[in-house]
Amino acid sequence: MNQASPQATLISTMITFAIIGVVLFFRLRRMSKERPLKLEQLWIVPGIFLFIAGFLFWSAPPGRTTILWCMVALAAGAALGWQRGRMMHIAVDPETQTLRQKASLGSMLFLLGMIAVRTAVREAAAFNIGGLHVDAMAVTDVMLALAFGLITVQRIEMYLRAKKMLAAHAP
């Protein structure tokens, strides 16, 4: 098996962090601005993600143990998604009855923490730290399930909270 040298792995990791840093820089700049929240469009990203995840699971079906870990990851992602959705600031404009959203700093820090955990697991597996013998496809499947649970439930929580807010502000 052809493994990358430690220098190549370090360079790859540094490039990844640089890209994440640039994306987060621009994201943090936009965080302070409110954006419209369209309830009828909240299903689009989870729908696309479900299609991609379904295709990936269909094209390379995971084993039984991986399926169990995927279910655990899906449940954990759902719990994390509910929490992340609660962190999103949602407001109703009293004059126009339109919804506005603004990402919270806590929400962004939460996302950064998840990226850090994912990177740590990947690096531990790459360098066999702690005797981890991890199948890359299994890790990908589990992370896919976690992300799907997080994205979907975050948007469900935002939808439910926004509907309550609209009902409370209805004339």
Protein backbone atom coordinates (compact mmCIF):
# COMPACT_ATOMS: atom_id res chain seq x y z
CA MET A 1 0.00 0.00 0.00
CA ASN A 2 1.38 3.38 -0.97
CA GLN A 3 1.20 5.68 2.05
CA ALA A 4 1.91 9.39 1.89
CA SER A 5 5.01 10.68 3.59
CA PRO A 6 4.57 12.64 6.83
CA GLN A 7 5.62 15.82 4.99
CA ALA A 8 2.97 15.31 2.29
CA THR A 9 0.34 14.64 4.94
CA LEU A 10 1.38 17.77 6.85
CA ILE A 11 1.21 19.87 3.68
CA SER A 12 -2.21 18.43 2.85
CA THR A 13 -3.46 19.21 6.36
CA MET A 14 -2.07 22.75 6.22
CA ILE A 15 -3.73 23.38 2.84
CA THR A 16 -7.02 22.08 4.25
CA PHE A 17 -6.76 24.41 7.26
CA ALA A 18 -5.84 27.35 5.00
CA ILE A 19 -8.92 26.76 2.83
CA ILE A 20 -11.13 26.38 5.90
CA GLY A 21 -9.61 29.56 7.33
CA VAL A 22 -10.35 31.59 4.19
CA VAL A 23 -13.92 30.26 3.99
CA LEU A 24 -14.51 30.99 7.69
CA PHE A 25 -13.05 34.48 7.36
CA PHE A 26 -15.61 35.39 4.71
CA ARG A 27 -18.36 33.52 6.56
CA LEU A 28 -17.65 35.38 9.81
CA ARG A 29 -17.81 38.69 7.95
CA ARG A 30 -21.26 37.81 6.61
CA MET A 31 -22.49 36.43 9.95
CA SER A 32 -23.37 39.84 11.35
CA LYS A 33 -25.86 40.46 8.54
CA GLU A 34 -29.41 39.22 8.63
CA ARG A 35 -30.61 37.31 5.60
CA PRO A 36 -34.11 36.34 4.50
CA LEU A 37 -35.32 32.96 5.74
CA LYS A 38 -37.56 31.19 3.28
CA LEU A 39 -39.33 28.30 4.99
CA GLU A 40 -40.33 26.71 1.69
CA GLN A 41 -36.65 26.32 0.75
CA LEU A 42 -35.34 24.71 3.96
CA TRP A 43 -35.86 21.20 2.56
CA ILE A 44 -33.61 21.71 -0.49
CA VAL A 45 -30.17 21.15 1.10
CA PRO A 46 -31.27 18.07 3.10
CA GLY A 47 -32.96 16.73 -0.05
CA ILE A 48 -29.79 17.08 -2.11
CA PHE A 49 -27.76 15.60 0.73
CA LEU A 50 -30.17 12.66 1.00
CA PHE A 51 -29.79 12.00 -2.74
CA ILE A 52 -25.98 12.08 -2.54
CA ALA A 53 -25.85 9.97 0.64
CA GLY A 54 -28.33 7.47 -0.79
CA PHE A 55 -26.29 7.13 -3.96
CA LEU A 56 -23.06 6.65 -2.01
CA PHE A 57 -24.59 4.02 0.29
CA TRP A 58 -26.15 2.27 -2.71
CA SER A 59 -22.95 2.26 -4.76
CA ALA A 60 -20.77 0.95 -1.90
CA PRO A 61 -23.04 -0.65 0.71
CA PRO A 62 -21.57 -0.54 4.22
CA GLY A 63 -21.18 -3.63 6.37
CA ARG A 64 -23.36 -4.43 9.38
CA THR A 65 -21.01 -2.89 11.92
CA THR A 66 -20.70 0.27 9.85
CA ILE A 67 -24.49 0.47 9.54
CA LEU A 68 -24.77 0.37 13.34
CA TRP A 69 -22.17 3.13 13.66
CA CYS A 70 -24.02 5.11 10.99
CA MET A 71 -27.23 4.86 13.00
CA VAL A 72 -25.42 6.09 16.11
CA ALA A 73 -23.87 8.92 14.07
CA LEU A 74 -27.26 9.81 12.58
CA ALA A 75 -28.77 10.07 16.08
CA ALA A 76 -25.79 12.11 17.31
CA GLY A 77 -26.02 14.34 14.25
CA ALA A 78 -29.73 14.86 14.89
CA ALA A 79 -29.05 15.91 18.50
CA LEU A 80 -26.24 18.22 17.40
CA GLY A 81 -28.37 19.60 14.58
CA TRP A 82 -31.20 20.43 16.98
CA GLN A 83 -28.74 22.30 19.18
CA ARG A 84 -27.18 24.12 16.23
CA GLY A 85 -30.63 25.05 14.92
CA ARG A 86 -31.50 26.52 18.33
CA MET A 87 -28.39 28.71 18.10
CA MET A 88 -29.54 30.32 14.86
CA HIS A 89 -31.10 33.75 15.39
CA ILE A 90 -34.52 34.02 13.72
CA ALA A 91 -36.64 37.16 13.74
CA VAL A 92 -39.96 38.27 12.24
CA ASP A 93 -40.25 41.70 10.70
CA PRO A 94 -43.44 43.04 12.35
CA GLU A 95 -44.37 45.22 9.37
CA THR A 96 -43.89 42.75 6.50
CA GLN A 97 -44.29 39.47 8.42
CA THR A 98 -41.14 38.15 6.74
CA LEU A 99 -38.59 35.98 8.46
CA ARG A 100 -34.94 36.90 8.85
CA GLN A 101 -32.08 34.71 10.05
CA LYS A 102 -28.62 35.41 11.35
CA ALA A 103 -26.02 32.83 12.23
CA SER A 104 -24.78 33.03 15.78
CA LEU A 105 -21.15 32.99 16.84
CA GLY A 106 -21.95 29.91 18.94
CA SER A 107 -23.24 28.19 15.83
CA MET A 108 -20.01 28.96 13.97
CA LEU A 109 -17.84 27.81 16.89
CA PHE A 110 -19.91 24.63 17.03
CA LEU A 111 -19.17 23.99 13.37
CA LEU A 112 -15.47 24.67 13.92
CA GLY A 113 -15.46 22.15 16.77
CA MET A 114 -16.98 19.50 14.52
CA ILE A 115 -14.35 20.17 11.84
CA ALA A 116 -11.62 19.87 14.48
CA VAL A 117 -12.98 16.52 15.73
CA ARG A 118 -13.25 15.18 12.18
CA THR A 119 -9.70 16.27 11.39
CA ALA A 120 -8.37 14.74 14.61
CA VAL A 121 -10.03 11.40 13.84
CA ARG A 122 -8.72 11.45 10.29
CA GLU A 123 -5.19 12.24 11.43
CA ALA A 124 -5.32 9.60 14.17
CA ALA A 125 -6.39 7.03 11.60
CA ALA A 126 -3.75 8.15 9.09
CA PHE A 127 -0.92 7.86 11.59
CA ASN A 128 -2.41 4.85 13.41
CA ILE A 129 -2.41 6.82 16.67
CA GLY A 130 -3.67 4.84 19.63
CA GLY A 131 -3.71 1.63 17.62
CA LEU A 132 -6.68 2.76 15.52
CA HIS A 133 -7.23 0.53 12.53
CA VAL A 134 -9.95 2.40 10.67
CA ASP A 135 -11.51 1.69 7.32
CA ALA A 136 -11.61 4.96 5.37
CA MET A 137 -14.94 4.07 3.72
CA ALA A 138 -16.48 3.29 7.11
CA VAL A 139 -15.33 6.65 8.49
CA THR A 140 -16.73 8.39 5.42
CA ASP A 141 -20.07 6.60 5.80
CA VAL A 142 -20.30 7.46 9.49
CA MET A 143 -19.41 11.12 8.90
CA LEU A 144 -21.97 11.24 6.07
CA ALA A 145 -24.67 9.95 8.42
CA LEU A 146 -23.64 12.44 11.11
CA ALA A 147 -23.72 15.35 8.64
CA PHE A 148 -27.09 14.29 7.23
CA GLY A 149 -28.63 14.13 10.72
CA LEU A 150 -27.14 17.49 11.63
CA ILE A 151 -28.23 19.33 8.48
CA THR A 152 -31.71 17.85 8.37
CA VAL A 153 -32.64 18.28 12.02
CA GLN A 154 -31.13 21.78 12.18
CA ARG A 155 -33.46 22.84 9.41
CA ILE A 156 -36.44 21.06 11.00
CA GLU A 157 -35.82 22.92 14.27
CA MET A 158 -35.51 26.23 12.42
CA TYR A 159 -38.71 25.52 10.49
CA LEU A 160 -40.72 24.66 13.61
CA ARG A 161 -39.44 27.67 15.54
CA ALA A 162 -40.04 30.04 12.61
CA LYS A 163 -43.61 28.74 12.14
CA LYS A 164 -44.33 29.41 15.85
CA MET A 165 -42.88 32.90 15.54
CA LEU A 166 -44.99 33.66 12.47
CA ALA A 167 -48.12 32.40 14.25
CA ALA A 168 -47.34 34.57 17.29
CA HIS A 169 -46.92 37.66 15.07
CA ALA A 170 -49.97 36.99 12.90
CA PRO A 171 -52.46 39.89 12.82
